[in-house]
Amino acid sequence: MEFREKLLQFKFHIVFAFLFSLLIAALVTFSPGFLTVLSYFWPLFLSTALFLAAVFFFARTSDLPTSSTISSDGSGVKLAAEGILDYVVGGQEEESDLLDSFTKLD
């Protein structure tokens, strides 16, 4: 009787372990092999590896700004960020001008 009480105490654990083992068995049985997945995704893996190699190459060969070119208050970085934002916003202004010219065709 004592054994049955212990079993009933852990019935949810036993059901969960059984379902989990069935899921793992189904995944192992029905999943494709490693070489199948590798043969399907090799272009993605190769392009990612080449991109990361290019990033590491340019990070190693490019000159990083020294502490003398960037002020301690960060105004040089802010100036560069503002230039990029002005460039991006400038492209959007041309788009809105083009849209206005099309809407004023009446």
C-alpha atoms as a PDB file:
ATOM      1  CA  MET A   1       0.000   0.000   0.000  1.00  0.00           C
ATOM      2  CA  GLU A   2       2.836   2.329   0.767  1.00  0.00           C
ATOM      3  CA  PHE A   3       4.245   1.903  -2.774  1.00  0.00           C
ATOM      4  CA  ARG A   4       0.910   2.867  -4.375  1.00  0.00           C
ATOM      5  CA  GLU A   5       0.711   6.011  -2.286  1.00  0.00           C
ATOM      6  CA  LYS A   6       4.191   7.019  -3.451  1.00  0.00           C
ATOM      7  CA  LEU A   7       3.193   6.328  -7.067  1.00  0.00           C
ATOM      8  CA  LEU A   8       0.065   8.437  -6.756  1.00  0.00           C
ATOM      9  CA  GLN A   9       2.084  11.206  -5.171  1.00  0.00           C
ATOM     10  CA  PHE A  10       4.334  11.392  -8.255  1.00  0.00           C
ATOM     11  CA  LYS A  11       1.713  10.611 -10.927  1.00  0.00           C
ATOM     12  CA  PHE A  12       2.134  13.976 -12.720  1.00  0.00           C
ATOM     13  CA  HIS A  13       5.905  13.565 -12.775  1.00  0.00           C
ATOM     14  CA  ILE A  14       5.589  10.088 -14.245  1.00  0.00           C
ATOM     15  CA  VAL A  15       3.118  11.222 -16.935  1.00  0.00           C
ATOM     16  CA  PHE A  16       5.338  14.173 -17.833  1.00  0.00           C
ATOM     17  CA  ALA A  17       8.433  11.956 -18.072  1.00  0.00           C
ATOM     18  CA  PHE A  18       6.550   9.471 -20.259  1.00  0.00           C
ATOM     19  CA  LEU A  19       5.284  12.199 -22.619  1.00  0.00           C
ATOM     20  CA  PHE A  20       8.726  13.782 -22.759  1.00  0.00           C
ATOM     21  CA  SER A  21      10.347  10.452 -23.655  1.00  0.00           C
ATOM     22  CA  LEU A  22       7.712   9.885 -26.370  1.00  0.00           C
ATOM     23  CA  LEU A  23       8.453  13.333 -27.794  1.00  0.00           C
ATOM     24  CA  ILE A  24      12.201  12.699 -27.840  1.00  0.00           C
ATOM     25  CA  ALA A  25      11.698   9.298 -29.488  1.00  0.00           C
ATOM     26  CA  ALA A  26       9.462  10.858 -32.150  1.00  0.00           C
ATOM     27  CA  LEU A  27      11.977  13.628 -32.835  1.00  0.00           C
ATOM     28  CA  VAL A  28      14.832  11.160 -33.226  1.00  0.00           C
ATOM     29  CA  THR A  29      12.770   8.889 -35.458  1.00  0.00           C
ATOM     30  CA  PHE A  30      11.232  11.493 -37.761  1.00  0.00           C
ATOM     31  CA  SER A  31      13.856  14.229 -37.865  1.00  0.00           C
ATOM     32  CA  PRO A  32      16.174  14.556 -40.864  1.00  0.00           C
ATOM     33  CA  GLY A  33      19.799  13.598 -40.557  1.00  0.00           C
ATOM     34  CA  PHE A  34      22.586  16.061 -39.844  1.00  0.00           C
ATOM     35  CA  LEU A  35      24.019  15.778 -43.367  1.00  0.00           C
ATOM     36  CA  THR A  36      20.588  16.497 -44.864  1.00  0.00           C
ATOM     37  CA  VAL A  37      20.299  19.715 -42.869  1.00  0.00           C
ATOM     38  CA  LEU A  38      23.893  20.643 -43.681  1.00  0.00           C
ATOM     39  CA  SER A  39      23.394  20.053 -47.404  1.00  0.00           C
ATOM     40  CA  TYR A  40      20.271  22.237 -47.364  1.00  0.00           C
ATOM     41  CA  PHE A  41      21.745  25.162 -45.420  1.00  0.00           C
ATOM     42  CA  TRP A  42      25.364  25.159 -46.671  1.00  0.00           C
ATOM     43  CA  PRO A  43      24.948  28.386 -48.710  1.00  0.00           C
ATOM     44  CA  LEU A  44      23.668  30.198 -45.622  1.00  0.00           C
ATOM     45  CA  PHE A  45      26.492  28.857 -43.461  1.00  0.00           C
ATOM     46  CA  LEU A  46      29.099  29.777 -46.086  1.00  0.00           C
ATOM     47  CA  SER A  47      27.802  33.318 -46.639  1.00  0.00           C
ATOM     48  CA  THR A  48      27.618  33.932 -42.897  1.00  0.00           C
ATOM     49  CA  ALA A  49      31.174  32.684 -42.430  1.00  0.00           C
ATOM     50  CA  LEU A  50      32.440  34.905 -45.265  1.00  0.00           C
ATOM     51  CA  PHE A  51      30.617  37.925 -43.860  1.00  0.00           C
ATOM     52  CA  LEU A  52      32.085  37.374 -40.398  1.00  0.00           C
ATOM     53  CA  ALA A  53      35.538  36.905 -41.902  1.00  0.00           C
ATOM     54  CA  ALA A  54      35.164  40.232 -43.753  1.00  0.00           C
ATOM     55  CA  VAL A  55      34.029  41.964 -40.557  1.00  0.00           C
ATOM     56  CA  PHE A  56      37.019  40.620 -38.629  1.00  0.00           C
ATOM     57  CA  PHE A  57      39.382  41.532 -41.474  1.00  0.00           C
ATOM     58  CA  PHE A  58      38.161  45.124 -41.693  1.00  0.00           C
ATOM     59  CA  ALA A  59      38.111  45.460 -37.914  1.00  0.00           C
ATOM     60  CA  ARG A  60      41.767  44.389 -37.765  1.00  0.00           C
ATOM     61  CA  THR A  61      43.015  46.457 -40.712  1.00  0.00           C
ATOM     62  CA  SER A  62      41.094  49.714 -40.256  1.00  0.00           C
ATOM     63  CA  ASP A  63      42.516  52.487 -38.116  1.00  0.00           C
ATOM     64  CA  LEU A  64      40.542  53.071 -34.986  1.00  0.00           C
ATOM     65  CA  PRO A  65      40.154  56.657 -33.824  1.00  0.00           C
ATOM     66  CA  THR A  66      42.626  57.643 -31.163  1.00  0.00           C
ATOM     67  CA  SER A  67      41.758  59.477 -27.997  1.00  0.00           C
ATOM     68  CA  SER A  68      43.129  62.724 -29.493  1.00  0.00           C
ATOM     69  CA  THR A  69      40.597  62.705 -32.365  1.00  0.00           C
ATOM     70  CA  ILE A  70      37.581  62.137 -30.132  1.00  0.00           C
ATOM     71  CA  SER A  71      37.038  64.647 -27.362  1.00  0.00           C
ATOM     72  CA  SER A  72      36.306  63.467 -23.861  1.00  0.00           C
ATOM     73  CA  ASP A  73      32.768  64.908 -23.900  1.00  0.00           C
ATOM     74  CA  GLY A  74      31.862  62.818 -26.963  1.00  0.00           C
ATOM     75  CA  SER A  75      31.102  65.783 -29.229  1.00  0.00           C
ATOM     76  CA  GLY A  76      32.986  64.170 -32.133  1.00  0.00           C
ATOM     77  CA  VAL A  77      30.794  61.099 -31.948  1.00  0.00           C
ATOM     78  CA  LYS A  78      27.692  63.284 -31.687  1.00  0.00           C
ATOM     79  CA  LEU A  79      28.813  65.257 -34.738  1.00  0.00           C
ATOM     80  CA  ALA A  80      29.311  62.076 -36.750  1.00  0.00           C
ATOM     81  CA  ALA A  81      25.906  60.761 -35.679  1.00  0.00           C
ATOM     82  CA  GLU A  82      24.254  64.035 -36.623  1.00  0.00           C
ATOM     83  CA  GLY A  83      25.867  63.865 -40.060  1.00  0.00           C
ATOM     84  CA  ILE A  84      24.513  60.377 -40.625  1.00  0.00           C
ATOM     85  CA  LEU A  85      21.061  61.426 -39.427  1.00  0.00           C
ATOM     86  CA  ASP A  86      21.103  64.484 -41.686  1.00  0.00           C
ATOM     87  CA  TYR A  87      21.979  62.261 -44.633  1.00  0.00           C
ATOM     88  CA  VAL A  88      19.154  59.859 -43.841  1.00  0.00           C
ATOM     89  CA  VAL A  89      16.616  62.635 -43.253  1.00  0.00           C
ATOM     90  CA  GLY A  90      17.766  64.366 -46.421  1.00  0.00           C
ATOM     91  CA  GLY A  91      16.737  61.325 -48.419  1.00  0.00           C
ATOM     92  CA  GLN A  92      13.292  61.392 -46.829  1.00  0.00           C
ATOM     93  CA  GLU A  93      12.789  65.072 -47.661  1.00  0.00           C
ATOM     94  CA  GLU A  94      13.361  64.338 -51.337  1.00  0.00           C
ATOM     95  CA  GLU A  95      10.786  61.570 -51.104  1.00  0.00           C
ATOM     96  CA  SER A  96       8.182  63.911 -49.613  1.00  0.00           C
ATOM     97  CA  ASP A  97       8.921  66.538 -52.319  1.00  0.00           C
ATOM     98  CA  LEU A  98       8.416  63.878 -54.974  1.00  0.00           C
ATOM     99  CA  LEU A  99       5.144  62.806 -53.355  1.00  0.00           C
ATOM    100  CA  ASP A 100       3.958  66.440 -53.207  1.00  0.00           C
ATOM    101  CA  SER A 101       4.731  66.904 -56.892  1.00  0.00           C
ATOM    102  CA  PHE A 102       2.624  63.882 -57.776  1.00  0.00           C
ATOM    103  CA  THR A 103      -0.310  64.980 -55.609  1.00  0.00           C
ATOM    104  CA  LYS A 104      -0.336  68.491 -57.163  1.00  0.00           C
ATOM    105  CA  LEU A 105      -0.974  67.214 -60.678  1.00  0.00           C
ATOM    106  CA  ASP A 106      -4.637  68.321 -60.581  1.00  0.00           C
END
